[in-house]
Amino acid sequence: MAREGENANANGRRERSMEEGAAGDGREEGVNSDHGYASSADKGCGLSLSVPFLQKILAEIFGTYFLIFAGCASVTINLSKGMITFPGICVVWGLAVMVMVYSVGHISGAHFNPAVTIAFATCGRFPWKQVPAYVFAQLLGATLASGTLRLMFGGKHEHFPGTIPAGSDVQSLVLEFIISFYLMFVISGVATDNRAIGELAGLAVGATILLNVLIAGPISGASMNPARTLGPAIVANRWEGIWVYIVGPICGTVVGAWAYNLIRFTNKPLREITKSGSFLKSFRNNST
């Protein structure tokens, strides 16, 4: 009887340990598939997932294509017909982001933006070895969308849907940094924090895009996305102030992602939040 009692106690301890382990897994920092926007930011995101890596790349191509096509089409049509108006353009960009997040967020994470992909990678939430493929897919989708619009609307320079600084380059750079920081801060909150309501991620990110375009559109064009600027620039061969839309969004999103990691309430130390002791350590681990 004593042995049976000891065995029962041991079994009980094992069961409690397993339950605690399962609970710990549920509390693991990162993103699960329920958080539609950035499911690919999971620590397990890699070629070994059940969803083939090729499907993720195709999802990024299609998602970026439809996003850039819708947004830049609204700009082009407004320039040629004057019927959509600036507030209408803002709404189109916000809605386009929202619907594509809900469409493919559970497949690829719905980055659609090289700056977002790089920001997730610096925080250890996306593998560095997959960054080049994602960035290529995003640039390809944006370029194809811009090429489609050029074929449809004749490719006239007065209908160029790209982003060019309306003020000084420095003014546009600061604006791009701020709105990209704001965008990535929101993305980190709704997509990487398990306490957030993941089903609202698309709505939150789309609304952020709408606000940013409304605020910064008249000054910098409110790119927030190197692919959004490079796609039209490649097709039209126009490169005015192109560095602004590469440096500003990348720096803004990286700082925004780390800022949210620093202020989020958690009992875990920063080393565990970022899944690495340092940026260089994360880079080495993901490169091997």
C-alpha atoms as a PDB file:
ATOM      1  CA  MET A   1       0.000   0.000   0.000  1.00  0.00           C
ATOM      2  CA  ALA A   2       2.842   2.369   0.825  1.00  0.00           C
ATOM      3  CA  ARG A   3       4.380   1.710  -2.583  1.00  0.00           C
ATOM      4  CA  GLU A   4       1.036   2.256  -4.261  1.00  0.00           C
ATOM      5  CA  GLY A   5       0.669   5.540  -2.400  1.00  0.00           C
ATOM      6  CA  GLU A   6       4.163   6.598  -3.459  1.00  0.00           C
ATOM      7  CA  ASN A   7       3.428   5.630  -7.060  1.00  0.00           C
ATOM      8  CA  ALA A   8       0.183   7.584  -6.972  1.00  0.00           C
ATOM      9  CA  ASN A   9       2.011  10.634  -5.590  1.00  0.00           C
ATOM     10  CA  ALA A  10       4.700  10.301  -8.263  1.00  0.00           C
ATOM     11  CA  ASN A  11       2.078  10.029 -10.988  1.00  0.00           C
ATOM     12  CA  GLY A  12       0.304  13.078  -9.594  1.00  0.00           C
ATOM     13  CA  ARG A  13       3.536  15.061  -9.600  1.00  0.00           C
ATOM     14  CA  ARG A  14       4.252  14.028 -13.194  1.00  0.00           C
ATOM     15  CA  GLU A  15       0.758  15.031 -14.290  1.00  0.00           C
ATOM     16  CA  ARG A  16       1.077  18.402 -12.555  1.00  0.00           C
ATOM     17  CA  SER A  17       4.470  18.895 -14.167  1.00  0.00           C
ATOM     18  CA  MET A  18       3.041  18.126 -17.599  1.00  0.00           C
ATOM     19  CA  GLU A  19       0.146  20.525 -17.003  1.00  0.00           C
ATOM     20  CA  GLU A  20       2.537  23.261 -15.919  1.00  0.00           C
ATOM     21  CA  GLY A  21       4.686  22.608 -18.982  1.00  0.00           C
ATOM     22  CA  ALA A  22       1.664  22.883 -21.239  1.00  0.00           C
ATOM     23  CA  ALA A  23       0.649  26.119 -19.545  1.00  0.00           C
ATOM     24  CA  GLY A  24       4.187  27.413 -19.965  1.00  0.00           C
ATOM     25  CA  ASP A  25       4.060  26.644 -23.668  1.00  0.00           C
ATOM     26  CA  GLY A  26       0.858  28.634 -23.918  1.00  0.00           C
ATOM     27  CA  ARG A  27       2.556  31.584 -22.266  1.00  0.00           C
ATOM     28  CA  GLU A  28       5.584  31.410 -24.538  1.00  0.00           C
ATOM     29  CA  GLU A  29       6.486  34.813 -25.930  1.00  0.00           C
ATOM     30  CA  GLY A  30       5.905  35.030 -29.635  1.00  0.00           C
ATOM     31  CA  VAL A  31       3.058  34.596 -32.044  1.00  0.00           C
ATOM     32  CA  ASN A  32       0.752  31.656 -32.574  1.00  0.00           C
ATOM     33  CA  SER A  33      -1.435  30.944 -35.568  1.00  0.00           C
ATOM     34  CA  ASP A  34      -4.408  32.632 -33.897  1.00  0.00           C
ATOM     35  CA  HIS A  35      -2.622  35.960 -34.244  1.00  0.00           C
ATOM     36  CA  GLY A  36      -3.233  36.138 -37.951  1.00  0.00           C
ATOM     37  CA  TYR A  37      -1.070  39.100 -38.880  1.00  0.00           C
ATOM     38  CA  ALA A  38       2.351  37.710 -38.066  1.00  0.00           C
ATOM     39  CA  SER A  39       1.994  34.000 -37.605  1.00  0.00           C
ATOM     40  CA  SER A  40       5.262  33.555 -39.481  1.00  0.00           C
ATOM     41  CA  ALA A  41       7.052  35.325 -36.637  1.00  0.00           C
ATOM     42  CA  ASP A  42       6.789  32.152 -34.565  1.00  0.00           C
ATOM     43  CA  LYS A  43      10.070  30.774 -33.394  1.00  0.00           C
ATOM     44  CA  GLY A  44       9.185  27.625 -35.305  1.00  0.00           C
ATOM     45  CA  CYS A  45       8.771  29.426 -38.596  1.00  0.00           C
ATOM     46  CA  GLY A  46      11.005  27.630 -41.034  1.00  0.00           C
ATOM     47  CA  LEU A  47      11.160  25.226 -43.900  1.00  0.00           C
ATOM     48  CA  SER A  48      10.105  22.322 -41.691  1.00  0.00           C
ATOM     49  CA  LEU A  49       6.602  23.688 -41.002  1.00  0.00           C
ATOM     50  CA  SER A  50       3.602  21.847 -42.362  1.00  0.00           C
ATOM     51  CA  VAL A  51       2.887  24.776 -44.659  1.00  0.00           C
ATOM     52  CA  PRO A  52       5.615  24.631 -47.342  1.00  0.00           C
ATOM     53  CA  PHE A  53       7.963  27.567 -47.506  1.00  0.00           C
ATOM     54  CA  LEU A  54       7.074  28.076 -51.165  1.00  0.00           C
ATOM     55  CA  GLN A  55       3.468  28.749 -50.181  1.00  0.00           C
ATOM     56  CA  LYS A  56       4.626  31.470 -47.804  1.00  0.00           C
ATOM     57  CA  ILE A  57       6.673  33.105 -50.543  1.00  0.00           C
ATOM     58  CA  LEU A  58       3.746  32.947 -52.970  1.00  0.00           C
ATOM     59  CA  ALA A  59       1.468  34.428 -50.303  1.00  0.00           C
ATOM     60  CA  GLU A  60       3.876  37.355 -49.874  1.00  0.00           C
ATOM     61  CA  ILE A  61       4.024  37.888 -53.646  1.00  0.00           C
ATOM     62  CA  PHE A  62       0.246  37.822 -54.078  1.00  0.00           C
ATOM     63  CA  GLY A  63      -0.408  39.869 -50.947  1.00  0.00           C
ATOM     64  CA  THR A  64       2.122  42.559 -51.848  1.00  0.00           C
ATOM     65  CA  TYR A  65       0.869  42.621 -55.443  1.00  0.00           C
ATOM     66  CA  PHE A  66      -2.751  43.238 -54.504  1.00  0.00           C
ATOM     67  CA  LEU A  67      -1.799  45.747 -51.810  1.00  0.00           C
ATOM     68  CA  ILE A  68       0.375  47.831 -54.130  1.00  0.00           C
ATOM     69  CA  PHE A  69      -2.038  47.457 -57.044  1.00  0.00           C
ATOM     70  CA  ALA A  70      -5.005  48.742 -55.032  1.00  0.00           C
ATOM     71  CA  GLY A  71      -3.133  51.555 -53.294  1.00  0.00           C
ATOM     72  CA  CYS A  72      -1.197  52.812 -56.300  1.00  0.00           C
ATOM     73  CA  ALA A  73      -4.248  52.432 -58.555  1.00  0.00           C
ATOM     74  CA  SER A  74      -6.133  54.836 -56.299  1.00  0.00           C
ATOM     75  CA  VAL A  75      -3.273  57.332 -56.620  1.00  0.00           C
ATOM     76  CA  THR A  76      -3.083  56.938 -60.399  1.00  0.00           C
ATOM     77  CA  ILE A  77      -6.832  57.210 -60.942  1.00  0.00           C
ATOM     78  CA  ASN A  78      -7.020  60.272 -58.727  1.00  0.00           C
ATOM     79  CA  LEU A  79      -4.207  61.914 -60.707  1.00  0.00           C
ATOM     80  CA  SER A  80      -5.835  61.148 -64.048  1.00  0.00           C
ATOM     81  CA  LYS A  81      -9.530  61.508 -63.191  1.00  0.00           C
ATOM     82  CA  GLY A  82      -9.575  63.468 -59.934  1.00  0.00           C
ATOM     83  CA  MET A  83     -12.432  61.368 -58.582  1.00  0.00           C
ATOM     84  CA  ILE A  84     -11.059  59.512 -55.556  1.00  0.00           C
ATOM     85  CA  THR A  85      -9.696  62.452 -53.503  1.00  0.00           C
ATOM     86  CA  PHE A  86      -6.935  62.303 -50.914  1.00  0.00           C
ATOM     87  CA  PRO A  87      -9.113  60.966 -48.049  1.00  0.00           C
ATOM     88  CA  GLY A  88     -10.307  58.275 -50.446  1.00  0.00           C
ATOM     89  CA  ILE A  89      -6.720  57.262 -51.164  1.00  0.00           C
ATOM     90  CA  CYS A  90      -6.081  56.952 -47.420  1.00  0.00           C
ATOM     91  CA  VAL A  91      -9.108  54.691 -47.020  1.00  0.00           C
ATOM     92  CA  VAL A  92      -8.055  52.503 -49.960  1.00  0.00           C
ATOM     93  CA  TRP A  93      -4.585  51.923 -48.492  1.00  0.00           C
ATOM     94  CA  GLY A  94      -5.993  51.088 -45.075  1.00  0.00           C
ATOM     95  CA  LEU A  95      -8.640  48.718 -46.431  1.00  0.00           C
ATOM     96  CA  ALA A  96      -6.169  47.027 -48.790  1.00  0.00           C
ATOM     97  CA  VAL A  97      -3.815  46.252 -45.920  1.00  0.00           C
ATOM     98  CA  MET A  98      -6.656  45.023 -43.721  1.00  0.00           C
ATOM     99  CA  VAL A  99      -8.173  42.606 -46.233  1.00  0.00           C
ATOM    100  CA  MET A 100      -4.809  41.153 -47.260  1.00  0.00           C
ATOM    101  CA  VAL A 101      -3.804  40.637 -43.625  1.00  0.00           C
ATOM    102  CA  TYR A 102      -6.960  38.616 -43.076  1.00  0.00           C
ATOM    103  CA  SER A 103      -6.474  36.790 -46.385  1.00  0.00           C
ATOM    104  CA  VAL A 104      -2.928  35.445 -46.023  1.00  0.00           C
ATOM    105  CA  GLY A 105      -1.824  36.385 -42.509  1.00  0.00           C
ATOM    106  CA  HIS A 106      -2.265  32.779 -41.379  1.00  0.00           C
ATOM    107  CA  ILE A 107      -0.036  31.564 -44.228  1.00  0.00           C
ATOM    108  CA  SER A 108       2.949  33.893 -44.457  1.00  0.00           C
ATOM    109  CA  GLY A 109       2.441  36.342 -41.600  1.00  0.00           C
ATOM    110  CA  ALA A 110       1.346  39.050 -44.068  1.00  0.00           C
ATOM    111  CA  HIS A 111       4.492  41.147 -43.853  1.00  0.00           C
ATOM    112  CA  PHE A 112       4.260  42.696 -47.374  1.00  0.00           C
ATOM    113  CA  ASN A 113       7.063  44.997 -46.264  1.00  0.00           C
ATOM    114  CA  PRO A 114      10.849  44.403 -46.185  1.00  0.00           C
ATOM    115  CA  ALA A 115      11.160  46.774 -43.224  1.00  0.00           C
ATOM    116  CA  VAL A 116       8.693  44.717 -41.151  1.00  0.00           C
ATOM    117  CA  THR A 117      10.481  41.478 -42.043  1.00  0.00           C
ATOM    118  CA  ILE A 118      13.863  42.924 -41.065  1.00  0.00           C
ATOM    119  CA  ALA A 119      12.459  44.359 -37.822  1.00  0.00           C
ATOM    120  CA  PHE A 120      11.042  40.965 -36.798  1.00  0.00           C
ATOM    121  CA  ALA A 121      14.398  39.352 -37.609  1.00  0.00           C
ATOM    122  CA  THR A 122      16.374  41.783 -35.437  1.00  0.00           C
ATOM    123  CA  CYS A 123      14.146  40.847 -32.488  1.00  0.00           C
ATOM    124  CA  GLY A 124      14.641  37.137 -33.045  1.00  0.00           C
ATOM    125  CA  ARG A 125      11.019  36.658 -34.133  1.00  0.00           C
ATOM    126  CA  PHE A 126      11.825  35.738 -37.720  1.00  0.00           C
ATOM    127  CA  PRO A 127      14.758  33.655 -39.023  1.00  0.00           C
ATOM    128  CA  TRP A 128      17.433  35.655 -40.808  1.00  0.00           C
ATOM    129  CA  LYS A 129      17.928  32.903 -43.367  1.00  0.00           C
ATOM    130  CA  GLN A 130      14.387  33.514 -44.670  1.00  0.00           C
ATOM    131  CA  VAL A 131      14.702  37.305 -44.878  1.00  0.00           C
ATOM    132  CA  PRO A 132      16.208  37.455 -48.419  1.00  0.00           C
ATOM    133  CA  ALA A 133      13.440  35.259 -49.851  1.00  0.00           C
ATOM    134  CA  TYR A 134      10.714  37.326 -48.180  1.00  0.00           C
ATOM    135  CA  VAL A 135      12.238  40.627 -49.307  1.00  0.00           C
ATOM    136  CA  PHE A 136      12.608  39.340 -52.868  1.00  0.00           C
ATOM    137  CA  ALA A 137       8.973  38.194 -52.888  1.00  0.00           C
ATOM    138  CA  GLN A 138       7.781  41.576 -51.629  1.00  0.00           C
ATOM    139  CA  LEU A 139       9.826  43.513 -54.185  1.00  0.00           C
ATOM    140  CA  LEU A 140       8.651  41.197 -56.960  1.00  0.00           C
ATOM    141  CA  GLY A 141       4.999  41.643 -56.020  1.00  0.00           C
ATOM    142  CA  ALA A 142       5.350  45.434 -55.843  1.00  0.00           C
ATOM    143  CA  THR A 143       7.173  45.609 -59.180  1.00  0.00           C
ATOM    144  CA  LEU A 144       4.612  43.398 -60.935  1.00  0.00           C
ATOM    145  CA  ALA A 145       1.762  45.519 -59.575  1.00  0.00           C
ATOM    146  CA  SER A 146       3.460  48.720 -60.716  1.00  0.00           C
ATOM    147  CA  GLY A 147       4.098  47.204 -64.139  1.00  0.00           C
ATOM    148  CA  THR A 148       0.440  46.252 -64.447  1.00  0.00           C
ATOM    149  CA  LEU A 149      -0.622  49.818 -63.657  1.00  0.00           C
ATOM    150  CA  ARG A 150       1.871  51.223 -66.164  1.00  0.00           C
ATOM    151  CA  LEU A 151       0.405  49.010 -68.886  1.00  0.00           C
ATOM    152  CA  MET A 152      -3.134  50.036 -67.960  1.00  0.00           C
ATOM    153  CA  PHE A 153      -2.568  53.782 -67.672  1.00  0.00           C
ATOM    154  CA  GLY A 154       0.088  54.390 -70.310  1.00  0.00           C
ATOM    155  CA  GLY A 155       3.035  54.952 -67.953  1.00  0.00           C
ATOM    156  CA  LYS A 156       2.911  58.736 -68.143  1.00  0.00           C
ATOM    157  CA  HIS A 157       5.150  60.502 -65.651  1.00  0.00           C
ATOM    158  CA  GLU A 158       2.345  62.758 -64.479  1.00  0.00           C
ATOM    159  CA  HIS A 159       0.545  59.605 -63.351  1.00  0.00           C
ATOM    160  CA  PHE A 160       3.543  58.239 -61.440  1.00  0.00           C
ATOM    161  CA  PRO A 161       2.120  56.526 -58.320  1.00  0.00           C
ATOM    162  CA  GLY A 162       5.413  56.323 -56.447  1.00  0.00           C
ATOM    163  CA  THR A 163       6.580  58.340 -53.458  1.00  0.00           C
ATOM    164  CA  ILE A 164       8.732  61.445 -53.899  1.00  0.00           C
ATOM    165  CA  PRO A 165       9.525  63.957 -51.115  1.00  0.00           C
ATOM    166  CA  ALA A 166       7.292  67.008 -51.420  1.00  0.00           C
ATOM    167  CA  GLY A 167       9.428  68.912 -48.925  1.00  0.00           C
ATOM    168  CA  SER A 168      13.081  68.430 -48.086  1.00  0.00           C
ATOM    169  CA  ASP A 169      14.647  64.974 -47.915  1.00  0.00           C
ATOM    170  CA  VAL A 170      15.350  65.429 -44.210  1.00  0.00           C
ATOM    171  CA  GLN A 171      11.748  66.380 -43.483  1.00  0.00           C
ATOM    172  CA  SER A 172      10.498  63.317 -45.346  1.00  0.00           C
ATOM    173  CA  LEU A 173      13.089  61.095 -43.648  1.00  0.00           C
ATOM    174  CA  VAL A 174      11.938  62.155 -40.183  1.00  0.00           C
ATOM    175  CA  LEU A 175       8.287  61.634 -41.112  1.00  0.00           C
ATOM    176  CA  GLU A 176       8.977  58.186 -42.577  1.00  0.00           C
ATOM    177  CA  PHE A 177      10.869  57.198 -39.436  1.00  0.00           C
ATOM    178  CA  ILE A 178       8.035  58.326 -37.146  1.00  0.00           C
ATOM    179  CA  ILE A 179       5.157  56.729 -39.048  1.00  0.00           C
ATOM    180  CA  SER A 180       7.139  53.510 -39.580  1.00  0.00           C
ATOM    181  CA  PHE A 181       7.898  53.417 -35.858  1.00  0.00           C
ATOM    182  CA  TYR A 182       4.186  53.894 -35.151  1.00  0.00           C
ATOM    183  CA  LEU A 183       3.223  51.142 -37.600  1.00  0.00           C
ATOM    184  CA  MET A 184       5.686  48.593 -36.217  1.00  0.00           C
ATOM    185  CA  PHE A 185       4.783  49.463 -32.636  1.00  0.00           C
ATOM    186  CA  VAL A 186       1.148  48.631 -33.391  1.00  0.00           C
ATOM    187  CA  ILE A 187       2.085  45.466 -35.293  1.00  0.00           C
ATOM    188  CA  SER A 188       4.219  44.277 -32.381  1.00  0.00           C
ATOM    189  CA  GLY A 189       1.385  44.927 -29.961  1.00  0.00           C
ATOM    190  CA  VAL A 190      -1.352  43.098 -31.847  1.00  0.00           C
ATOM    191  CA  ALA A 191       0.736  40.365 -33.461  1.00  0.00           C
ATOM    192  CA  THR A 192       3.421  39.309 -30.987  1.00  0.00           C
ATOM    193  CA  ASP A 193       1.717  39.703 -27.605  1.00  0.00           C
ATOM    194  CA  ASN A 194      -0.390  36.681 -26.653  1.00  0.00           C
ATOM    195  CA  ARG A 195      -2.685  38.869 -24.543  1.00  0.00           C
ATOM    196  CA  ALA A 196      -3.779  40.929 -27.551  1.00  0.00           C
ATOM    197  CA  ILE A 197      -6.936  40.072 -29.483  1.00  0.00           C
ATOM    198  CA  GLY A 198      -5.352  38.550 -32.570  1.00  0.00           C
ATOM    199  CA  GLU A 199      -8.566  38.646 -34.585  1.00  0.00           C
ATOM    200  CA  LEU A 200      -8.410  42.456 -34.552  1.00  0.00           C
ATOM    201  CA  ALA A 201      -4.847  42.622 -35.884  1.00  0.00           C
ATOM    202  CA  GLY A 202      -5.890  43.350 -39.459  1.00  0.00           C
ATOM    203  CA  LEU A 203      -8.257  46.105 -38.374  1.00  0.00           C
ATOM    204  CA  ALA A 204      -5.652  47.722 -36.118  1.00  0.00           C
ATOM    205  CA  VAL A 205      -2.882  47.622 -38.719  1.00  0.00           C
ATOM    206  CA  GLY A 206      -5.181  48.844 -41.502  1.00  0.00           C
ATOM    207  CA  ALA A 207      -6.369  51.751 -39.351  1.00  0.00           C
ATOM    208  CA  THR A 208      -2.755  52.649 -38.565  1.00  0.00           C
ATOM    209  CA  ILE A 209      -1.915  52.729 -42.268  1.00  0.00           C
ATOM    210  CA  LEU A 210      -4.938  54.956 -42.931  1.00  0.00           C
ATOM    211  CA  LEU A 211      -3.913  57.416 -40.212  1.00  0.00           C
ATOM    212  CA  ASN A 212      -0.283  57.490 -41.319  1.00  0.00           C
ATOM    213  CA  VAL A 213      -1.189  58.166 -44.956  1.00  0.00           C
ATOM    214  CA  LEU A 214      -3.592  60.900 -43.858  1.00  0.00           C
ATOM    215  CA  ILE A 215      -0.876  62.555 -41.764  1.00  0.00           C
ATOM    216  CA  ALA A 216       2.260  62.112 -43.858  1.00  0.00           C
ATOM    217  CA  GLY A 217       0.870  61.662 -47.362  1.00  0.00           C
ATOM    218  CA  PRO A 218       1.127  65.332 -48.414  1.00  0.00           C
ATOM    219  CA  ILE A 219       4.767  65.567 -47.257  1.00  0.00           C
ATOM    220  CA  SER A 220       6.564  62.272 -47.872  1.00  0.00           C
ATOM    221  CA  GLY A 221       3.920  60.157 -49.577  1.00  0.00           C
ATOM    222  CA  ALA A 222       3.666  57.973 -46.444  1.00  0.00           C
ATOM    223  CA  SER A 223       5.523  54.979 -47.834  1.00  0.00           C
ATOM    224  CA  MET A 224       6.470  53.091 -44.632  1.00  0.00           C
ATOM    225  CA  ASN A 225       7.495  50.312 -47.013  1.00  0.00           C
ATOM    226  CA  PRO A 226      10.604  50.135 -49.236  1.00  0.00           C
ATOM    227  CA  ALA A 227       8.765  47.768 -51.606  1.00  0.00           C
ATOM    228  CA  ARG A 228       5.923  50.274 -52.024  1.00  0.00           C
ATOM    229  CA  THR A 229       8.460  52.870 -53.202  1.00  0.00           C
ATOM    230  CA  LEU A 230      10.898  50.652 -55.106  1.00  0.00           C
ATOM    231  CA  GLY A 231       8.234  48.901 -57.202  1.00  0.00           C
ATOM    232  CA  PRO A 232       6.964  52.052 -58.965  1.00  0.00           C
ATOM    233  CA  ALA A 233      10.510  53.489 -59.074  1.00  0.00           C
ATOM    234  CA  ILE A 234      11.865  50.433 -60.908  1.00  0.00           C
ATOM    235  CA  VAL A 235       9.043  50.440 -63.464  1.00  0.00           C
ATOM    236  CA  ALA A 236       9.147  54.204 -64.116  1.00  0.00           C
ATOM    237  CA  ASN A 237      12.926  54.555 -63.630  1.00  0.00           C
ATOM    238  CA  ARG A 238      12.453  57.439 -61.204  1.00  0.00           C
ATOM    239  CA  TRP A 239      14.763  57.545 -58.198  1.00  0.00           C
ATOM    240  CA  GLU A 240      14.294  60.960 -56.593  1.00  0.00           C
ATOM    241  CA  GLY A 241      14.949  60.708 -52.851  1.00  0.00           C
ATOM    242  CA  ILE A 242      14.869  56.909 -52.983  1.00  0.00           C
ATOM    243  CA  TRP A 243      17.249  56.586 -50.011  1.00  0.00           C
ATOM    244  CA  VAL A 244      14.688  58.308 -47.781  1.00  0.00           C
ATOM    245  CA  TYR A 245      12.217  55.464 -48.311  1.00  0.00           C
ATOM    246  CA  ILE A 246      14.776  52.773 -47.565  1.00  0.00           C
ATOM    247  CA  VAL A 247      16.551  54.242 -44.544  1.00  0.00           C
ATOM    248  CA  GLY A 248      13.507  55.824 -42.871  1.00  0.00           C
ATOM    249  CA  PRO A 249      11.144  52.818 -42.834  1.00  0.00           C
ATOM    250  CA  ILE A 250      13.819  50.262 -41.924  1.00  0.00           C
ATOM    251  CA  CYS A 251      15.191  52.326 -39.036  1.00  0.00           C
ATOM    252  CA  GLY A 252      11.692  53.248 -37.850  1.00  0.00           C
ATOM    253  CA  THR A 253      10.360  49.686 -37.824  1.00  0.00           C
ATOM    254  CA  VAL A 254      13.433  48.262 -36.097  1.00  0.00           C
ATOM    255  CA  VAL A 255      13.263  50.876 -33.330  1.00  0.00           C
ATOM    256  CA  GLY A 256       9.484  50.438 -33.066  1.00  0.00           C
ATOM    257  CA  ALA A 257       9.770  46.675 -32.633  1.00  0.00           C
ATOM    258  CA  TRP A 258      12.417  46.988 -29.932  1.00  0.00           C
ATOM    259  CA  ALA A 259      10.504  49.768 -28.185  1.00  0.00           C
ATOM    260  CA  TYR A 260       7.472  47.520 -27.763  1.00  0.00           C
ATOM    261  CA  ASN A 261       9.666  44.685 -26.500  1.00  0.00           C
ATOM    262  CA  LEU A 262      11.074  47.010 -23.857  1.00  0.00           C
ATOM    263  CA  ILE A 263       7.751  48.276 -22.491  1.00  0.00           C
ATOM    264  CA  ARG A 264       5.590  45.164 -22.677  1.00  0.00           C
ATOM    265  CA  PHE A 265       4.661  43.874 -19.232  1.00  0.00           C
ATOM    266  CA  THR A 266       6.138  40.464 -18.569  1.00  0.00           C
ATOM    267  CA  ASN A 267       7.842  38.574 -15.795  1.00  0.00           C
ATOM    268  CA  LYS A 268      10.455  37.313 -18.217  1.00  0.00           C
ATOM    269  CA  PRO A 269      13.797  39.107 -18.641  1.00  0.00           C
ATOM    270  CA  LEU A 270      14.572  40.929 -21.863  1.00  0.00           C
ATOM    271  CA  ARG A 271      16.953  38.115 -22.869  1.00  0.00           C
ATOM    272  CA  GLU A 272      14.013  35.701 -23.029  1.00  0.00           C
ATOM    273  CA  ILE A 273      11.666  38.193 -24.693  1.00  0.00           C
ATOM    274  CA  THR A 274      13.997  38.656 -27.645  1.00  0.00           C
ATOM    275  CA  LYS A 275      14.934  34.959 -27.675  1.00  0.00           C
ATOM    276  CA  SER A 276      18.608  35.906 -27.698  1.00  0.00           C
ATOM    277  CA  GLY A 277      21.238  37.574 -25.585  1.00  0.00           C
ATOM    278  CA  SER A 278      22.151  40.052 -28.289  1.00  0.00           C
ATOM    279  CA  PHE A 279      21.479  41.032 -31.858  1.00  0.00           C
ATOM    280  CA  LEU A 280      24.769  39.505 -33.023  1.00  0.00           C
ATOM    281  CA  LYS A 281      24.043  36.239 -31.224  1.00  0.00           C
ATOM    282  CA  SER A 282      20.604  36.073 -32.855  1.00  0.00           C
ATOM    283  CA  PHE A 283      22.151  36.745 -36.246  1.00  0.00           C
ATOM    284  CA  ARG A 284      24.744  33.993 -35.816  1.00  0.00           C
ATOM    285  CA  ASN A 285      22.177  31.462 -34.589  1.00  0.00           C
ATOM    286  CA  ASN A 286      19.759  32.101 -37.453  1.00  0.00           C
ATOM    287  CA  SER A 287      22.505  32.112 -40.068  1.00  0.00           C
ATOM    288  CA  THR A 288      23.736  28.629 -39.177  1.00  0.00           C
END
